[in-house]
């Protein structure tokens, strides 16, 4: 008997050997009948008689002859591909009796030629390992798994627009700006953008199959759209108003009114690109506010800058001795102005007065309290002025201008020059029309003339409005509800000047019946002197 015919092989839970007198079987562990029958069939062994089967179970771990025949079978392989087509496992069934075993190289060639497995996916070491462990499923080949697509996600656009200070200029970093954690947006700007889902990358199975990836999930931006935003092609949210971006319960909103519960300090930072803002504390030195609408400050403003498209209401004091200013499209109110610079398109109000301040008002300048004090600085109002006590016992120079239109006269001169240039251009084009032979050129020139006529008309209308204000300037008045000290200078319409040489009390300085700019007896003004209430717009 050859060595091959007497060798033992173990396949999973059973061992087999072939001798001169037949074939023997040994069960190495307890297994049920169904599994034993399946193994016997797969290994090409004859069915067991009931008596032999009972003997095998009774003598677990002992060799029991199952047939007088000497069985011979060559080794063979069984390949199991995973459901996802990405893995191939090899089960080796070794030779029985005088059969021939397979070599690793032979198995690899069989995997390629018979099973169709891609050569570069086969692991030769794993094949050797499979041959050394008969009956066990060993992973011998792996494909390339598909890469799943990325889900759609959203980004906040303003948050991506952070600017870093140049490395060679670190000293220019503005900590007032850098500390701000508020995201502001402007109307018409993209606020939230969707990064679309990706399809992912295709994979390859062990047999070269194309395995499609799982695409990323899309998302509906409408689900996160809140107030103040509109959807654009389901790829971005556009701000429909200027304001503060916030997120609440999974939705984004743009609030026109931004409320700061305390001071405007390093924790909040500078404020810009907001519609309206209410600071319930103070505005600290060095900070600025730039908004399209209204500003309400519950405390004071110290050496800070406020620019507002509408009104500015400061319940405390405005101090500007070390810088800062207030510029408003509407009215400006503060309890008191100290060394302040103010430019208002509307009226300017105070309770306690103006100290060493430069104030310009496109309407009235009004100190509501007859005991308010105004000294030092220059006050310029497009309309009339109403003050309490003006100047002081020290004779501090204080200038008060009513009907101030010096800048408007310059505007009129500039508009006249613009109209003159437009008229000259118009005459030049009119003269050119008869010389033009091309009909298209003549039509183009006529359209240019029409545009010039519109521009000239607009300029003339603007000039007419300004001329009206200039003509009305001489009718403005300065009301001194308290006292005007020596050293005070009153001016009207950039033409008339009255220097107070003796203290005045409770008078109105205006053009009198003799046509002179001088004090006349007191009378109440026809305009209201009470400041408007600080009311933040709704919405």
Foldseek 3Di string as FASTA:
>chain_A
DDPLQADWDDAPQKIWHHDQQAIKIAGQDDDDPVVVVVVCVVLVHDDADPVQVVVRVVPHGDIDGRDRDRDWDAKDKDWDADPLLFWIWIAIDHIYRPYHYDDLVRVLVCCCPVVQFDNVQFDSVQSVVNSVHHNDTTTGGGWFAWFEKAAKDKDFVQVVPDDDDDPVPVVPDDLLAVLAPWRWDAAFDWTMFIDHIAQTGWIAGRNGDTHGHHTHHYDALVVQEDEQWDDDPSGTIGGRHTATWDGDPRHIYGDLEAEAAEESDSNHHAEERHAEYEYLYEHDAPHEYAHAAEYEYNEEYAQYEYEYAEEYEYAEEYENPPHYAYEYAYEYEHQEYAQYEYHYCAEYEYAQEYHQYEEEHVAEYFHLHLNHEYAHYEYAYLFAYEHHEYHDPVLGAYEYEFNACPVLVVVLVVLVVVLVVLVVVLVVLVVCLVVDPDPVVNVVSVVVNVVSVVVNVVSVVVSVVSVVSLVCQQVHKYWHQAKYQQNYWYYTSNPAIDGDPHMDGGWMFHQDPVRHGGTDHHDDDPDDNDDDDDDDDDD
